[in-house]
Each structure stands twice: as structure tokens, then as C-alpha cells.
């Protein structure tokens, strides 16, 4: 049936990728709903509360499916990756435990208050419930990112007498420089997803000529937040993330760019096909010196190529890493252009009359999901062949007792379950969008 390690990685990658389709929208909407509720505290802006009520319903459905799809990931730490869990559990168990005990319960409790408690608690307390939901969801995100950041750049740990990793400094581990930059980059990406979804619904209602007041409000919120968050994803968070990779994982940077030879004035590849067998990039189109500047802040800086490193330290799938990275960067650039143009039309109050732009906004909502997935793939595949960078190889962390057939069987089961959940999710979301907001107040 093939290499068990391959199927362990395939299963975890599949379940993690499908699961993250939902938390990114939850975290993005949590911030935007809090903003809507804050603006809705003004008695003359009840339309913001109407918008918030609609998106709280969407968030509730999304959150529920996200919880269900996330549970298998927890079990896979013990089934597919038991040696990794035994080796590093004394460290990463801290953040994973806090994510479950604090962030998850805070998030789920206040989501219930948001859905059913507006009349009982009143507008101001309901607003603070939205803030608590935002804090809970973003705190949950930080604990997960801090766990992954330890695998990317392990700090704050020591090796115990039995050979396992244990926590040496809680604060060094939690306030990992890699974690803070990765977290800001990740959360900005989540806001991009939430913004594009809100703008897409506004565009859909506008094209159909229904819920016109709320449609305009959704376009205004989605486009404005989408432009700001798309800019933050690129700079400063994306720029800082790239510099961290250049400093701590130069072999990963070389693989992301399909760069085999070292040298100054390294160009950023716009197009090209990595040819690992011959150690070159076929048909490249480059921006001269840009990679050197992005990585080290100087156009003349030397950027190492893959040939500078032993072959056994190269990422295990350079082609997929290269394409994943370039899809992420390319889409991020397009997001800035699309939202910039949309904002200009919005500012001139002409966006509702430009049906071509409304069609683009409506159809563009899947692309932030793709960009965020490619971003996580870039981070995780760039770390290979290490499970914990420089400390534990991926081949050392999988479970010996779970063979390929068992992993394939359970992955097929997950695929079937996720298909059913996906269809149910789309049905419920589609019904909410068709029904629209509960009221249709005037939007100025």
C-alpha cells in the first residue's frame, strides 16, 4: 500500500486543510461583527445591528461545522503521530490545552449569547458579548499558531533525562517571535476571507435587486475591510514573515523560489517551472534584485540556493512548495488590486451600477480560501523534512503501529463525512443568504 509515512502526512494534510476552511471565516467574521455591533450602538445606525444579526447566524453555522471537522485532528496526534506527541507533548500540550480549555469555551459560550441573547441582555451587553467572541476566537487562533510556530522555530524548551522535550520557559515558548509574526499574518488573512464573503453576499443581493439597503452596507463593509486586510497581509506581516524564513529557514526560501544557485541581486520569480532533476528553473521571468530586498532588505544581498545545503535537508516536495508559494503571493497581489478598484468605485458611489465589478466580487469569494490554504501548505511543506525544525525529522514522528491500509481506510471515511458536512453546510448557508436579513431598514 506504499509508505505509511506518506499516508499519515496525506491524511493530516487533508483533514487540516478541510477543517481550516471554517476557522478562517469564523475569525474574520468575529472581528467584523464586533465592528458592526459597535457602530450599531448609535440609535441612528440600527442597520448595522441588522447586518450583525445576519452574519451571526452565518458564523454560528460555520462555527458548528468547524468544531466537527477539527475533532479528528486532535485524535491524529495520538493515532498517526504518537512518537511526535510523546516527544514534544510536554511543550505543545500547553498551548493545545489552553486552546481547548480557555479559547474554545469562551468562544462557544459567547456565540450562544450572541445568537439567542440580544433581547435579554440589551444592545450594550450584546456588544460586549461580540467582543468576547472576538477575543475567544482570536485567542484560539493564537494558541494554534504558537504551537505551529514552535515546530517552525523551536524556543523555550529543554531536553529531559528521558529524551523528551519539556518546557524551559513558558513565555519564551508562547511569545515566540515566529509566532507573533505568523499570527498577525494569519489573522489578516482570515479577515480577508471574511471581507470577501461579506462583499460577495452584498454583490449577490445587488445583482438580484433584493435587500438593497443591506446589500449596500455589506459592500461598504466588505470592500473597505478587504482592502485594509489585503494590504496588511502583504505589508508589514507578509514582509516580516518572509524575512523570518530567510533568517531561520534559508533552505525553505530557496525551495519556495526554485533557487538552486547562490548569488547577490537575487530575482523574484514571477513565472517558472522548477526542474529538480537538472537543478534549475525552466522558463523564468524574474524581477531582478527583488528577492534579495524582500529577504534581507538590500537589493545586493546574497541569497543562498539549494545547492548550498545537503540534499537530505531539502524540502521533500520542492515543486508543490514552489507552486503553493507563488499561488499565495499571486492571489494576494490580485486581492489588493481588486479591492483597491472596488473601493474607488465605492467611494464614488458607482459600484452598484457596475455589474461587471459586482460579478467579480460575487465570484471572487473562494480565492481567499485558496490563498490561505496555499499559505499553510507553504509553511508546513517548507519546514520539511523536519517535524520540529532542526530537532525532529518527520520520519521520526509517525506511528509505527498504524499501517497504510488503516490510514487510507480512515481517510476515505473522513472524506465521506466531510462531503456530507460540506453539502449540509452549503445548503444551510444558501438558505440564510436567500432569506436575507430579518429586517430591511434604510441604509444611509
Protein backbone atom coordinates (compact mmCIF):
# COMPACT_ATOMS: atom_id res chain seq x y z
CA UNK A 1 0.00 0.00 0.00
CA UNK A 2 3.02 2.29 -0.08
CA UNK A 3 4.94 4.20 2.54
CA UNK A 4 2.90 4.62 5.78
CA UNK A 5 4.55 8.00 6.42
CA UNK A 6 3.22 9.31 3.11
CA UNK A 7 -0.34 8.35 4.04
CA UNK A 8 -0.01 9.76 7.57
CA UNK A 9 1.02 13.07 6.07
CA UNK A 10 -1.66 12.89 3.40
CA UNK A 11 -4.41 12.23 5.92
CA UNK A 12 -3.36 15.01 8.29
CA UNK A 13 -2.92 17.44 5.40
CA UNK A 14 -6.36 16.60 4.02
CA UNK A 15 -8.21 16.88 7.32
CA UNK A 16 -6.34 20.04 8.36
CA UNK A 17 -6.94 21.75 5.01
CA UNK A 18 -10.66 20.97 5.04
CA UNK A 19 -11.01 21.99 8.67
CA UNK A 20 -9.31 25.35 8.17
CA UNK A 21 -11.91 26.37 5.60
CA UNK A 22 -14.16 27.13 8.58
CA UNK A 23 -12.00 28.75 11.33
CA UNK A 24 -10.66 31.36 8.93
CA UNK A 25 -14.20 32.61 8.26
CA UNK A 26 -15.10 32.40 11.95
CA UNK A 27 -12.11 34.53 12.96
CA UNK A 28 -12.62 37.02 10.14
CA UNK A 29 -16.33 37.45 10.84
CA UNK A 30 -15.75 37.71 14.60
CA UNK A 31 -13.82 40.95 14.15
CA UNK A 32 -16.20 42.39 11.57
CA UNK A 33 -19.30 41.52 13.63
CA UNK A 34 -17.76 43.27 16.64
CA UNK A 35 -17.26 46.37 14.45
CA UNK A 36 -20.88 46.17 13.24
CA UNK A 37 -22.17 45.88 16.80
CA UNK A 38 -20.04 48.85 17.88
CA UNK A 39 -21.38 51.00 15.06
CA UNK A 40 -24.88 49.76 15.85
CA UNK A 41 -24.74 51.24 19.37
CA UNK A 42 -25.69 54.56 17.77
CA UNK A 43 -29.53 54.64 17.73
CA UNK A 44 -29.43 56.04 14.21
CA UNK A 45 -27.48 53.06 12.88
CA UNK A 46 -29.81 50.15 13.54
CA UNK A 47 -28.99 48.83 10.07
CA UNK A 48 -25.57 47.78 11.39
CA UNK A 49 -27.31 45.64 14.02
CA UNK A 50 -29.41 44.07 11.27
CA UNK A 51 -26.27 43.23 9.35
CA UNK A 52 -24.66 41.83 12.51
CA UNK A 53 -27.65 39.58 13.22
CA UNK A 54 -27.43 38.07 9.75
CA UNK A 55 -23.70 37.41 9.98
CA UNK A 56 -24.01 35.99 13.50
CA UNK A 57 -26.32 33.34 12.03
CA UNK A 58 -23.75 32.59 9.32
CA UNK A 59 -20.98 32.45 11.92
CA UNK A 60 -22.99 30.03 14.07
CA UNK A 61 -23.37 27.54 11.22
CA UNK A 62 -19.72 27.94 10.22
CA UNK A 63 -18.52 27.51 13.82
CA UNK A 64 -20.51 24.29 14.32
CA UNK A 65 -19.08 22.65 11.20
CA UNK A 66 -15.59 23.86 12.13
CA UNK A 67 -15.83 22.14 15.51
CA UNK A 68 -16.90 18.83 13.97
CA UNK A 69 -14.14 18.87 11.34
CA UNK A 70 -11.49 19.81 13.90
CA UNK A 71 -12.07 16.89 16.27
CA UNK A 72 -10.32 14.26 14.05
CA UNK A 73 -7.15 16.37 14.08
CA UNK A 74 -6.88 16.02 17.86
CA UNK A 75 -7.12 12.23 17.65
CA UNK A 76 -4.50 12.04 14.90
CA UNK A 77 -1.86 13.32 17.31
CA UNK A 78 -2.30 10.07 19.21
CA UNK A 79 -3.01 7.68 16.35
CA UNK A 80 -0.87 8.78 13.39
CA UNK A 81 1.74 10.86 15.21
CA UNK A 82 2.19 9.11 18.57
CA UNK A 83 6.00 9.38 18.63
CA UNK A 84 5.81 13.10 17.94
CA UNK A 85 3.22 13.54 20.70
CA UNK A 86 5.28 11.55 23.19
CA UNK A 87 8.42 13.50 22.31
CA UNK A 88 7.02 17.04 22.27
CA UNK A 89 3.79 16.79 24.29
CA UNK A 90 5.43 18.39 27.33
CA UNK A 91 5.72 21.60 25.29
CA UNK A 92 2.96 21.77 22.71
CA UNK A 93 0.44 20.26 25.11
CA UNK A 94 0.45 23.63 26.91
CA UNK A 95 -0.95 25.65 24.02
CA UNK A 96 -3.21 22.90 22.69
CA UNK A 97 -4.69 22.51 26.17
CA UNK A 98 -5.22 26.25 26.56
CA UNK A 99 -6.86 26.43 23.15
CA UNK A 100 -9.42 23.88 24.24
CA UNK A 101 -9.99 24.95 27.84
CA UNK A 102 -9.95 28.73 27.54
CA UNK A 103 -10.39 29.96 23.98
CA UNK A 104 -12.83 27.33 22.74
CA UNK A 105 -15.16 27.54 25.74
CA UNK A 106 -15.05 31.34 25.77
CA UNK A 107 -15.81 31.40 22.05
CA UNK A 108 -18.67 28.90 22.14
CA UNK A 109 -20.29 30.39 25.26
CA UNK A 110 -20.50 33.92 23.92
CA UNK A 111 -21.57 32.73 20.47
CA UNK A 112 -24.65 31.30 22.17
CA UNK A 113 -25.30 34.66 23.86
CA UNK A 114 -24.91 36.44 20.52
CA UNK A 115 -27.37 34.15 18.77
CA UNK A 116 -30.09 34.00 21.40
CA UNK A 117 -29.43 36.71 23.97
CA UNK A 118 -29.84 40.11 22.26
CA UNK A 119 -33.29 40.88 23.71
CA UNK A 120 -32.39 39.58 27.16
CA UNK A 121 -29.07 41.41 27.51
CA UNK A 122 -29.71 44.65 25.61
CA UNK A 123 -27.54 46.34 22.96
CA UNK A 124 -24.51 47.25 25.09
CA UNK A 125 -24.12 43.88 26.77
CA UNK A 126 -24.72 42.21 23.44
CA UNK A 127 -21.90 44.31 22.01
CA UNK A 128 -19.59 43.12 24.80
CA UNK A 129 -20.60 39.55 24.03
CA UNK A 130 -19.43 40.18 20.46
CA UNK A 131 -16.12 41.48 21.83
CA UNK A 132 -15.77 38.35 23.99
CA UNK A 133 -16.44 36.15 20.96
CA UNK A 134 -13.82 38.06 19.01
CA UNK A 135 -11.28 37.69 21.84
CA UNK A 136 -12.07 33.98 22.22
CA UNK A 137 -11.76 33.16 18.54
CA UNK A 138 -8.57 35.16 18.08
CA UNK A 139 -7.08 33.74 21.29
CA UNK A 140 -7.88 30.27 20.00
CA UNK A 141 -6.09 31.15 16.78
CA UNK A 142 -3.02 32.35 18.68
CA UNK A 143 -2.63 29.14 20.65
CA UNK A 144 -2.78 27.07 17.47
CA UNK A 145 -0.32 29.35 15.67
CA UNK A 146 2.03 29.32 18.68
CA UNK A 147 2.02 25.53 18.53
CA UNK A 148 2.91 25.55 14.85
CA UNK A 149 5.49 28.31 15.39
CA UNK A 150 7.32 26.06 17.87
CA UNK A 151 7.57 23.45 15.12
CA UNK A 152 8.93 26.12 12.75
CA UNK A 153 11.28 27.84 15.21
CA UNK A 154 11.57 25.86 18.48
CA UNK A 155 12.36 28.04 21.51
CA UNK A 156 11.70 27.87 25.25
CA UNK A 157 12.30 24.12 25.59
CA UNK A 158 14.83 21.73 27.09
CA UNK A 159 15.58 18.03 26.77
CA UNK A 160 14.62 15.96 29.81
CA UNK A 161 16.52 12.95 31.14
CA UNK A 162 14.21 10.57 29.25
CA UNK A 163 14.97 12.33 25.95
CA UNK A 164 11.62 14.12 25.61
CA UNK A 165 11.12 17.86 25.23
CA UNK A 166 9.92 19.80 28.24
CA UNK A 167 9.06 23.44 28.79
CA UNK A 168 12.00 25.54 29.97
CA UNK A 169 10.43 28.99 29.64
CA UNK A 170 6.69 29.36 29.20
CA UNK A 171 6.93 32.96 28.00
CA UNK A 172 9.74 32.26 25.53
CA UNK A 173 7.58 29.50 24.10
CA UNK A 174 4.33 31.48 23.95
CA UNK A 175 5.84 34.81 22.85
CA UNK A 176 7.93 33.17 20.16
CA UNK A 177 8.96 35.87 17.62
CA UNK A 178 7.92 33.49 14.86
CA UNK A 179 4.50 33.06 16.50
CA UNK A 180 3.73 36.77 16.75
CA UNK A 181 4.54 37.49 13.09
CA UNK A 182 2.88 34.32 11.81
CA UNK A 183 -0.20 35.07 13.91
CA UNK A 184 -0.64 38.60 12.58
CA UNK A 185 -0.17 37.36 9.03
CA UNK A 186 -2.62 34.52 9.55
CA UNK A 187 -5.31 36.66 11.18
CA UNK A 188 -5.07 39.32 8.48
CA UNK A 189 -5.67 36.51 6.00
CA UNK A 190 -8.74 35.43 7.97
CA UNK A 191 -10.13 38.98 7.79
CA UNK A 192 -9.55 38.92 4.03
CA UNK A 193 -11.72 35.80 3.84
CA UNK A 194 -14.46 37.33 5.98
CA UNK A 195 -14.38 40.56 3.98
CA UNK A 196 -14.59 38.83 0.61
CA UNK A 197 -17.53 36.71 1.79
CA UNK A 198 -19.41 39.78 3.06
CA UNK A 199 -18.70 41.67 -0.17
CA UNK A 200 -19.80 38.65 -2.24
CA UNK A 201 -23.16 38.46 -0.46
CA UNK A 202 -23.65 42.21 -0.91
CA UNK A 203 -22.83 41.89 -4.61
CA UNK A 204 -25.23 38.94 -4.99
CA UNK A 205 -28.13 40.83 -3.39
CA UNK A 206 -27.36 43.90 -5.51
CA UNK A 207 -27.32 41.89 -8.73
CA UNK A 208 -30.66 40.35 -7.84
CA UNK A 209 -32.13 43.68 -6.75
CA UNK A 210 -33.12 42.39 -3.28
CA UNK A 211 -32.32 43.64 0.23
CA UNK A 212 -30.85 46.70 -1.46
CA UNK A 213 -30.12 48.68 1.70
CA UNK A 214 -28.33 45.81 3.41
CA UNK A 215 -26.62 44.92 0.14
CA UNK A 216 -25.04 48.38 0.02
CA UNK A 217 -23.94 48.10 3.65
CA UNK A 218 -22.35 44.71 3.04
CA UNK A 219 -20.50 46.05 0.02
CA UNK A 220 -19.24 49.00 2.04
CA UNK A 221 -18.02 46.87 4.96
CA UNK A 222 -16.63 44.04 2.83
CA UNK A 223 -14.73 46.19 0.35
CA UNK A 224 -13.29 48.55 2.97
CA UNK A 225 -12.17 45.77 5.31
CA UNK A 226 -10.99 43.70 2.34
CA UNK A 227 -8.69 46.45 1.08
CA UNK A 228 -7.19 47.15 4.52
CA UNK A 229 -6.65 43.49 5.40
CA UNK A 230 -5.21 42.65 1.96
CA UNK A 231 -2.64 45.41 2.42
CA UNK A 232 -1.75 44.17 5.91
CA UNK A 233 -1.29 40.62 4.62
CA UNK A 234 1.32 41.90 2.16
CA UNK A 235 2.98 44.53 4.33
CA UNK A 236 4.09 44.51 7.05
CA UNK A 237 3.09 40.95 8.04
CA UNK A 238 3.99 39.14 4.81
CA UNK A 239 7.25 41.05 4.52
CA UNK A 240 8.23 40.22 8.11
CA UNK A 241 7.26 36.57 7.64
CA UNK A 242 9.50 36.37 4.59
CA UNK A 243 12.44 37.83 6.50
CA UNK A 244 11.95 35.26 9.28
CA UNK A 245 12.07 32.44 6.74
CA UNK A 246 15.21 33.92 5.17
CA UNK A 247 16.92 34.16 8.57
CA UNK A 248 15.92 30.85 10.15
CA UNK A 249 14.98 28.60 7.19
CA UNK A 250 17.09 29.73 4.21
CA UNK A 251 16.77 26.31 2.56
CA UNK A 252 12.98 26.73 2.61
CA UNK A 253 13.24 30.16 0.99
CA UNK A 254 15.42 28.72 -1.77
CA UNK A 255 12.88 25.97 -2.43
CA UNK A 256 9.94 28.41 -2.43
CA UNK A 257 11.64 30.36 -5.19
CA UNK A 258 13.05 27.37 -7.08
CA UNK A 259 16.52 28.84 -6.49
CA UNK A 260 19.36 26.34 -6.87
CA UNK A 261 22.41 28.61 -7.15
CA UNK A 262 23.52 31.26 -4.63
CA UNK A 263 24.36 34.83 -5.51
CA UNK A 264 23.66 38.54 -4.97
CA UNK A 265 20.84 40.54 -6.56
CA UNK A 266 18.54 37.53 -6.43
CA UNK A 267 15.47 37.96 -8.58
CA UNK A 268 11.89 37.24 -7.56
CA UNK A 269 10.43 34.66 -9.92
CA UNK A 270 7.09 35.66 -11.39
CA UNK A 271 6.80 32.60 -13.63
CA UNK A 272 8.85 29.44 -13.97
CA UNK A 273 8.82 25.68 -13.55
CA UNK A 274 11.24 24.08 -11.07
CA UNK A 275 13.34 21.34 -12.66
CA UNK A 276 14.77 19.50 -9.68
CA UNK A 277 16.41 16.78 -11.76
CA UNK A 278 18.57 19.33 -13.61
CA UNK A 279 18.81 21.81 -10.71
CA UNK A 280 17.32 24.82 -12.48
CA UNK A 281 14.15 26.83 -13.04
CA UNK A 282 12.76 26.47 -16.53
CA UNK A 283 11.33 29.47 -18.44
CA UNK A 284 11.77 32.00 -15.60
CA UNK A 285 10.53 35.57 -15.64
CA UNK A 286 12.22 37.46 -12.80
CA UNK A 287 12.17 40.84 -11.11
CA UNK A 288 15.92 41.48 -10.61
CA UNK A 289 17.09 42.03 -7.04
CA UNK A 290 13.61 41.88 -5.52
CA UNK A 291 14.13 38.59 -3.64
CA UNK A 292 17.32 39.94 -2.07
CA UNK A 293 15.45 43.03 -0.92
CA UNK A 294 12.47 41.07 0.45
CA UNK A 295 14.69 38.61 2.29
CA UNK A 296 17.42 40.89 3.64
CA UNK A 297 16.42 44.49 2.94
CA UNK A 298 19.12 45.07 0.32
CA UNK A 299 18.97 44.58 -3.45
CA UNK A 300 22.61 43.41 -3.46
CA UNK A 301 22.25 40.84 -0.64
CA UNK A 302 23.36 37.28 -1.31
CA UNK A 303 20.56 34.69 -1.22
CA UNK A 304 21.59 31.08 -0.82
CA UNK A 305 20.43 28.44 -3.28
CA UNK A 306 19.51 24.83 -2.62
CA UNK A 307 22.95 23.63 -3.68
CA UNK A 308 24.39 25.30 -0.57
CA UNK A 309 22.62 22.72 1.61
CA UNK A 310 22.90 18.94 1.97
CA UNK A 311 20.35 17.14 -0.16
CA UNK A 312 18.76 15.46 2.88
CA UNK A 313 17.80 18.92 4.21
CA UNK A 314 15.88 19.96 1.10
CA UNK A 315 12.08 20.16 1.42
CA UNK A 316 10.60 16.88 0.24
CA UNK A 317 8.33 18.33 -2.47
CA UNK A 318 10.00 21.35 -3.99
CA UNK A 319 7.57 21.56 -6.92
CA UNK A 320 4.46 21.71 -4.74
CA UNK A 321 6.15 24.15 -2.36
CA UNK A 322 7.16 26.43 -5.22
CA UNK A 323 3.70 26.48 -6.81
CA UNK A 324 1.89 26.81 -3.48
CA UNK A 325 4.00 29.81 -2.52
CA UNK A 326 3.53 31.55 -5.87
CA UNK A 327 -0.22 30.94 -5.92
CA UNK A 328 -0.46 32.51 -2.46
CA UNK A 329 1.61 35.55 -3.41
CA UNK A 330 -0.09 35.97 -6.79
CA UNK A 331 -3.58 35.85 -5.32
CA UNK A 332 -2.61 38.25 -2.54
CA UNK A 333 -1.43 40.76 -5.12
CA UNK A 334 -4.66 40.37 -7.08
CA UNK A 335 -6.70 40.92 -3.90
CA UNK A 336 -5.09 44.32 -3.38
CA UNK A 337 -5.82 45.33 -6.96
CA UNK A 338 -9.42 44.07 -6.89
CA UNK A 339 -10.30 45.67 -3.57
CA UNK A 340 -8.48 48.87 -4.47
CA UNK A 341 -10.55 49.23 -7.64
CA UNK A 342 -13.74 48.30 -5.79
CA UNK A 343 -13.01 50.86 -3.06
CA UNK A 344 -12.56 53.58 -5.66
CA UNK A 345 -15.97 52.74 -7.15
CA UNK A 346 -17.45 52.55 -3.66
CA UNK A 347 -16.05 55.96 -2.74
CA UNK A 348 -17.57 57.44 -5.90
CA UNK A 349 -20.85 55.59 -5.13
CA UNK A 350 -20.74 53.92 -8.52
CA UNK A 351 -20.13 50.32 -7.51
CA UNK A 352 -23.80 49.34 -7.55
CA UNK A 353 -24.08 50.41 -11.18
CA UNK A 354 -21.01 48.46 -12.31
CA UNK A 355 -22.44 44.99 -12.80
CA UNK A 356 -19.14 43.61 -14.09
CA UNK A 357 -17.47 44.51 -10.81
CA UNK A 358 -20.35 43.06 -8.80
CA UNK A 359 -19.98 39.79 -10.71
CA UNK A 360 -16.25 39.74 -9.97
CA UNK A 361 -16.83 40.41 -6.27
CA UNK A 362 -19.51 37.73 -6.08
CA UNK A 363 -17.36 35.10 -7.78
CA UNK A 364 -14.11 36.04 -6.01
CA UNK A 365 -15.03 34.74 -2.54
CA UNK A 366 -13.41 31.26 -2.96
CA UNK A 367 -9.98 32.71 -3.74
CA UNK A 368 -9.06 33.84 -0.20
CA UNK A 369 -9.77 30.26 0.91
CA UNK A 370 -7.34 29.06 -1.75
CA UNK A 371 -4.72 31.66 -0.80
CA UNK A 372 -4.92 30.81 2.91
CA UNK A 373 -4.69 27.09 2.18
CA UNK A 374 -1.65 27.68 -0.03
CA UNK A 375 -0.12 29.79 2.74
CA UNK A 376 -0.42 26.98 5.28
CA UNK A 377 0.87 24.47 2.72
CA UNK A 378 3.87 26.71 2.10
CA UNK A 379 4.62 26.94 5.82
CA UNK A 380 4.26 23.22 6.52
CA UNK A 381 5.92 21.89 3.37
CA UNK A 382 8.70 24.45 3.69
CA UNK A 383 9.54 23.04 7.13
CA UNK A 384 10.10 19.55 5.71
CA UNK A 385 11.90 17.23 6.18
CA UNK A 386 11.62 18.43 9.78
CA UNK A 387 8.60 17.92 12.01
CA UNK A 388 10.24 20.24 14.56
CA UNK A 389 12.76 22.26 12.60
CA UNK A 390 16.31 21.15 13.38
CA UNK A 391 15.14 18.93 16.25
CA UNK A 392 12.94 16.08 14.98
CA UNK A 393 12.52 14.76 11.45
CA UNK A 394 9.06 13.95 10.12
CA UNK A 395 10.09 10.33 9.60
CA UNK A 396 10.79 10.08 13.34
CA UNK A 397 7.38 11.30 14.49
CA UNK A 398 4.84 8.99 12.88
CA UNK A 399 3.27 5.94 14.50
CA UNK A 400 4.80 2.55 13.68
CA UNK A 401 1.68 0.59 14.65
CA UNK A 402 -0.70 2.32 12.19
CA UNK A 403 -0.09 0.93 8.72
CA UNK A 404 -1.01 2.33 5.32
CA UNK A 405 -4.24 0.38 4.90
CA UNK A 406 -5.67 1.67 8.18
CA UNK A 407 -4.75 5.24 7.32
CA UNK A 408 -6.26 5.05 3.82
CA UNK A 409 -9.44 3.46 5.21
CA UNK A 410 -9.97 6.19 7.82
CA UNK A 411 -9.10 8.93 5.31
CA UNK A 412 -11.81 7.63 2.98
CA UNK A 413 -14.19 7.72 5.94
CA UNK A 414 -13.25 11.31 6.68
CA UNK A 415 -13.72 12.21 3.01
CA UNK A 416 -17.24 10.77 3.04
CA UNK A 417 -18.13 12.52 6.29
CA UNK A 418 -16.70 15.82 5.09
CA UNK A 419 -18.61 15.56 1.82
CA UNK A 420 -21.89 15.19 3.73
CA UNK A 421 -20.97 18.04 6.07
CA UNK A 422 -19.96 20.21 3.12
CA UNK A 423 -23.27 19.67 1.34
CA UNK A 424 -25.20 20.37 4.56
CA UNK A 425 -23.12 23.49 5.19
CA UNK A 426 -23.73 24.86 1.69
CA UNK A 427 -27.46 24.16 1.99
CA UNK A 428 -27.76 25.97 5.33
CA UNK A 429 -25.65 28.93 4.22
CA UNK A 430 -27.52 29.17 0.92
CA UNK A 431 -30.84 29.19 2.76
CA UNK A 432 -29.69 32.01 5.04
CA UNK A 433 -28.46 34.09 2.10
CA UNK A 434 -31.70 33.53 0.20
CA UNK A 435 -33.73 34.52 3.25
CA UNK A 436 -31.58 37.59 3.82
CA UNK A 437 -31.54 39.86 6.88
CA UNK A 438 -34.56 39.82 9.18
CA UNK A 439 -35.39 43.48 8.54
CA UNK A 440 -34.70 45.93 5.76
CA UNK A 441 -34.06 49.30 7.34
CA UNK A 442 -32.75 52.26 5.42
CA UNK A 443 -29.01 52.49 4.99
CA UNK A 444 -27.53 55.91 4.54
